Protein backbone atom coordinates (compact mmCIF):
# COMPACT_ATOMS: atom_id res chain seq x y z
CA MET A 1 -23.68 27.13 -5.30
CA LEU A 2 -23.73 23.33 -5.04
CA ARG A 3 -20.16 23.15 -6.31
CA VAL A 4 -19.06 25.48 -3.53
CA LEU A 5 -20.87 23.44 -0.90
CA LEU A 6 -19.47 20.21 -2.33
CA LEU A 7 -15.90 21.46 -2.14
CA LEU A 8 -16.32 22.91 1.34
CA SER A 9 -17.97 19.77 2.69
CA ALA A 10 -15.25 17.57 1.17
CA LEU A 11 -12.52 19.73 2.73
CA LEU A 12 -14.32 19.77 6.06
CA MET A 13 -14.17 15.99 6.54
CA PRO A 14 -10.39 15.59 6.95
CA VAL A 15 -10.21 18.72 9.11
CA VAL A 16 -12.86 17.42 11.49
CA GLY A 17 -11.31 13.95 11.35
CA PHE A 18 -7.91 15.34 12.37
CA LEU A 19 -9.41 17.30 15.25
CA SER A 20 -11.45 14.29 16.34
CA GLN A 21 -8.41 12.02 16.53
CA ARG A 22 -6.61 14.72 18.52
CA GLY A 23 -9.33 14.59 21.15
CA ALA A 24 -10.89 17.94 20.33
CA PHE A 25 -14.41 16.55 20.76
CA GLY A 26 -13.79 13.78 23.28
CA PRO A 27 -12.10 10.34 23.38
CA ASP A 28 -10.76 9.02 20.08
CA ASN A 29 -12.58 6.26 18.24
CA LYS A 30 -10.25 3.48 19.41
CA THR A 31 -10.79 4.38 23.05
CA ILE A 32 -14.55 4.25 22.60
CA SER A 33 -14.42 1.01 20.61
CA ASP A 34 -12.29 -0.62 23.30
CA ALA A 35 -14.83 0.47 25.92
CA TYR A 36 -17.70 -1.16 24.02
CA PRO A 37 -16.24 -4.24 22.27
CA THR A 38 -18.42 -6.06 19.75
CA LEU A 39 -18.11 -8.90 17.25
CA LEU A 40 -18.19 -6.47 14.30
CA ILE A 41 -15.30 -4.17 15.17
CA ALA A 42 -12.53 -4.07 12.56
CA GLU A 43 -8.78 -4.04 13.15
CA GLY A 44 -7.34 -0.55 13.50
CA TYR A 45 -5.44 -0.58 10.21
CA ALA A 46 -8.72 -0.91 8.27
CA PHE A 47 -9.67 2.65 9.16
CA SER A 48 -6.68 3.96 7.17
CA ILE A 49 -8.99 3.76 4.15
CA TRP A 50 -10.35 7.12 5.27
CA GLY A 51 -7.18 8.76 3.98
CA VAL A 52 -7.87 7.46 0.46
CA ILE A 53 -11.56 8.34 0.71
CA PHE A 54 -10.81 11.89 1.80
CA LEU A 55 -8.31 12.41 -1.03
CA LEU A 56 -10.65 11.07 -3.70
CA ASP A 57 -13.61 13.06 -2.40
CA ILE A 58 -11.58 16.28 -2.38
CA ALA A 59 -10.25 15.55 -5.87
CA LEU A 60 -13.79 14.93 -7.11
CA ALA A 61 -15.09 18.13 -5.53
CA ALA A 62 -12.17 20.14 -6.91
CA MET A 63 -12.78 18.76 -10.40
CA GLN A 64 -16.44 19.73 -10.21
CA TRP A 65 -15.37 23.23 -9.12
CA LYS A 66 -12.96 23.58 -12.04
CA ARG A 67 -14.90 22.01 -14.88
CA GLY A 68 -17.57 23.67 -16.96
CA THR A 69 -19.61 20.47 -16.78
CA ALA A 70 -20.51 18.84 -13.51
CA LEU A 71 -22.33 15.98 -11.94
CA PRO A 72 -26.13 16.43 -11.94
CA PRO A 73 -27.38 18.69 -9.14
CA ARG A 74 -29.15 15.79 -7.43
CA VAL A 75 -25.87 13.87 -7.18
CA GLN A 76 -23.96 16.90 -5.94
CA GLY A 77 -26.67 17.59 -3.38
CA ALA A 78 -26.59 13.99 -2.15
CA LEU A 79 -22.81 14.18 -1.76
CA VAL A 80 -23.03 17.42 0.19
CA ILE A 81 -25.42 15.67 2.59
CA ALA A 82 -23.18 12.60 2.79
CA PHE A 83 -20.01 14.60 3.47
CA GLY A 84 -21.74 16.87 5.97
CA ALA A 85 -23.20 13.89 7.82
CA ALA A 86 -19.77 12.25 7.95
CA SER A 87 -18.32 15.35 9.61
CA ALA A 88 -21.22 15.49 12.04
CA TRP A 89 -20.62 11.86 12.99
CA MET A 90 -16.96 12.58 13.77
CA ILE A 91 -18.09 15.28 16.20
CA LEU A 92 -21.00 13.42 17.79
CA PHE A 93 -19.42 10.00 18.29
CA PRO A 94 -16.54 11.19 20.54
CA GLN A 95 -19.11 13.04 22.66
CA LEU A 96 -20.88 9.71 23.20
CA GLN A 97 -23.98 10.99 21.44
CA PHE A 98 -24.46 7.49 20.07
CA TRP A 99 -28.04 7.76 18.84
CA LEU A 100 -27.40 11.02 16.98
CA ALA A 101 -24.16 9.63 15.59
CA LEU A 102 -25.99 6.54 14.39
CA ALA A 103 -28.62 8.66 12.66
CA THR A 104 -25.98 10.74 10.87
CA ILE A 105 -23.97 7.75 9.63
CA TRP A 106 -27.12 6.11 8.24
CA ALA A 107 -28.02 9.41 6.56
CA SER A 108 -24.54 9.50 5.04
CA LEU A 109 -24.92 5.96 3.71
CA LEU A 110 -28.32 6.63 2.14
CA ALA A 111 -27.03 9.78 0.44
CA LEU A 112 -23.93 7.99 -0.86
CA LEU A 113 -25.93 5.07 -2.20
CA TYR A 114 -28.34 7.47 -3.91
CA ALA A 115 -25.40 9.18 -5.65
CA ALA A 116 -23.71 5.89 -6.56
CA PHE A 117 -26.92 4.35 -7.92
CA HIS A 118 -27.76 7.44 -9.95
CA MET A 119 -24.30 7.53 -11.54
CA ALA A 120 -24.47 3.81 -12.34
CA ASP A 121 -27.86 4.27 -14.01
CA GLU A 122 -26.58 7.20 -16.06
CA SER A 123 -23.46 5.31 -17.10
CA ALA A 124 -25.63 2.46 -18.37
CA GLY A 125 -27.32 4.96 -20.67
CA SER A 126 -25.77 7.80 -22.60
CA GLY A 127 -24.56 11.27 -21.77
CA SER A 128 -23.28 10.48 -18.30
CA LEU A 129 -21.13 13.21 -16.77
CA ALA A 130 -19.68 10.89 -14.12
CA THR A 131 -15.94 10.36 -14.58
CA PRO A 132 -13.98 7.30 -13.40
CA LEU A 133 -12.82 9.49 -10.50
CA ALA A 134 -16.44 10.12 -9.51
CA HIS A 135 -17.28 6.43 -9.59
CA TRP A 136 -14.24 5.52 -7.49
CA ALA A 137 -14.65 8.36 -4.99
CA VAL A 138 -18.34 7.72 -4.36
CA GLY A 139 -18.13 3.93 -4.68
CA LEU A 140 -15.24 3.55 -2.27
CA HIS A 141 -16.89 5.84 0.27
CA ALA A 142 -20.24 4.06 -0.04
CA GLY A 143 -18.67 0.61 0.26
CA TRP A 144 -16.86 1.48 3.46
CA ILE A 145 -19.85 3.22 5.06
CA SER A 146 -22.06 0.23 4.20
CA LEU A 147 -20.09 -1.72 6.79
CA ALA A 148 -19.39 1.18 9.14
CA VAL A 149 -23.10 1.73 9.78
CA LEU A 150 -23.42 -1.82 11.11
CA LEU A 151 -20.25 -1.56 13.19
CA ASN A 152 -21.72 1.61 14.64
CA THR A 153 -25.08 -0.05 15.20
CA ALA A 154 -23.39 -2.88 17.08
CA GLN A 155 -21.62 -0.39 19.34
CA VAL A 156 -24.90 1.37 20.12
CA ILE A 157 -26.41 -1.98 21.09
CA ALA A 158 -23.42 -2.69 23.33
CA ALA A 159 -23.26 0.80 24.84
CA TYR A 160 -26.93 0.84 25.83
CA ARG A 161 -27.04 -2.91 26.59
CA LEU A 162 -29.97 -3.39 24.28
CA ALA A 163 -29.02 -7.07 24.06
CA SER A 164 -26.68 -9.48 25.80
CA ILE A 165 -23.13 -8.19 26.09
CA ASP A 166 -21.65 -11.52 27.17
CA HIS A 167 -23.24 -13.51 24.34
CA GLN A 168 -23.28 -11.23 21.33
CA LEU A 169 -23.32 -13.79 18.52
CA PRO A 170 -27.13 -14.19 18.26
CA TRP A 171 -27.82 -10.50 17.66
CA SER A 172 -24.59 -10.05 15.71
CA LEU A 173 -25.91 -12.61 13.23
CA GLY A 174 -28.83 -10.28 12.60
CA LEU A 175 -26.44 -7.45 11.80
CA TRP A 176 -24.42 -9.72 9.52
CA ALA A 177 -27.63 -10.62 7.69
CA ALA A 178 -28.33 -6.91 7.25
CA ALA A 179 -24.78 -6.41 5.96
CA ALA A 180 -25.23 -9.21 3.44
CA ALA A 181 -28.49 -7.68 2.21
CA ILE A 182 -27.02 -4.18 1.87
CA LEU A 183 -23.94 -5.44 0.04
CA ALA A 184 -25.89 -7.66 -2.34
CA PHE A 185 -28.37 -4.91 -3.21
CA ALA A 186 -25.70 -2.22 -3.61
CA ILE A 187 -23.36 -4.35 -5.72
CA HIS A 188 -26.29 -5.12 -8.00
CA ARG A 189 -27.36 -1.47 -8.27
CA VAL A 190 -23.85 -0.17 -9.01
CA ARG A 191 -23.60 -2.87 -11.66
CA GLY A 192 -20.61 -4.53 -10.07
CA HIS A 193 -18.31 -1.50 -10.02
CA TRP A 194 -15.13 -2.58 -8.26
CA ALA A 195 -14.85 0.61 -6.17
CA TYR A 196 -17.76 -0.42 -3.95
CA THR A 197 -16.62 -4.02 -3.65
CA VAL A 198 -12.98 -3.16 -2.89
CA ALA A 199 -14.02 -0.98 0.06
CA ALA A 200 -16.40 -3.65 1.33
CA ILE A 201 -13.74 -6.36 1.10
CA TRP A 202 -11.25 -4.12 2.87
CA GLY A 203 -13.68 -3.60 5.75
CA LEU A 204 -14.69 -7.26 5.94
CA THR A 205 -11.06 -8.34 6.01
CA GLY A 206 -10.40 -5.87 8.82
CA VAL A 207 -13.26 -7.37 10.83
CA ALA A 208 -12.01 -10.90 10.18
CA VAL A 209 -8.49 -10.05 11.35
CA LYS A 210 -9.76 -8.35 14.50
CA GLN A 211 -12.25 -11.04 15.43
CA TRP A 212 -9.92 -13.95 14.78
CA SER A 213 -7.81 -12.86 17.74
CA ASN A 214 -10.75 -11.61 19.82
CA PRO A 215 -11.30 -13.75 22.96
CA MET A 216 -15.02 -12.92 23.11
CA PRO A 217 -17.45 -15.84 22.60
CA GLY A 218 -18.54 -16.00 18.96
CA ALA A 219 -15.61 -14.00 17.63
CA ARG A 220 -14.24 -16.81 15.45
CA GLU A 221 -17.68 -17.37 13.97
CA SER A 222 -17.96 -13.64 13.23
CA ALA A 223 -14.55 -13.71 11.53
CA ALA A 224 -15.65 -16.65 9.38
CA ILE A 225 -18.82 -14.81 8.36
CA ALA A 226 -16.80 -11.76 7.35
CA ILE A 227 -14.53 -13.90 5.15
CA ALA A 228 -17.52 -15.65 3.60
CA LEU A 229 -19.21 -12.32 2.83
CA ALA A 230 -16.03 -11.03 1.19
CA ALA A 231 -15.93 -14.11 -1.04
CA VAL A 232 -19.60 -13.72 -1.94
CA ALA A 233 -19.08 -10.01 -2.72
CA ILE A 234 -16.26 -10.87 -5.13
CA GLY A 235 -18.34 -13.56 -6.79
CA GLN A 236 -21.37 -11.32 -7.19
CA THR A 237 -19.25 -8.48 -8.56
CA LEU A 238 -17.75 -10.74 -11.22
CA TRP A 239 -21.21 -12.02 -12.11
CA GLU A 240 -22.71 -8.52 -12.31
CA ARG A 241 -19.88 -7.33 -14.52
CA SER A 242 -20.27 -10.33 -16.82
CA ARG A 243 -23.89 -9.30 -17.40
CA GLN A 244 -23.00 -5.78 -18.54
CA PRO A 245 -23.12 -5.18 -22.30
CA THR A 246 -19.81 -4.74 -24.09
CA PRO A 247 -19.13 -1.46 -25.95
CA HIS A 248 -19.90 -3.30 -29.24
CA GLN A 249 -23.23 -4.52 -27.92
CA THR A 250 -24.09 -1.06 -26.65
CA SER A 251 -23.45 0.59 -30.01
CA THR A 252 -25.52 -1.91 -32.02
């Protein structure tokens, strides 16, 4: 049953995403982002990563459907929640249901991190059923959503004017601190798997590009923070990977 739900939820995401960008549920994401500019918004091209994420998630779900062996039920269940929450977000956000959208994207992140951490722990032991495809599909998705939740949080703050709109840098620094904490913890827990880091770097670069040309006060500082975080993420990933035992060490 979980395999069926996993495949259906993976297929649902690109369908809902296509309808969302066609205005089926309300204004597209760019229109909303332009209406509520923040210092954490990424350049438009960065969101093209969704195409890769959708393809890998569908491929992973299809493989689980076909194979006699599968990811543990707890991982499959977490992915069903993550994929379903992602589809819900794409419906709620265009309808300006910002609080509900924020709740769903955080739920998606927590479910993805649970799956990614569980697979990393199993891979460190023996008998893991997670394939390289699984690690890349889940890791890439989790890395991107780790930043997307904070971009979304910033837009909620701007939309409801929960803090200054004209001087966003002070509260944006708080969100950047949260981003740094999430990235550092997740990179450590996935044992430096490049899938998570690649997605994070892609998102951070997109923010840096967007904010470097943003005329809002504090935008250049936000761009610099994004670049610094990308560099730190690379450094931590290399360090985490250097600490992993080699196949020879594992077998002795």
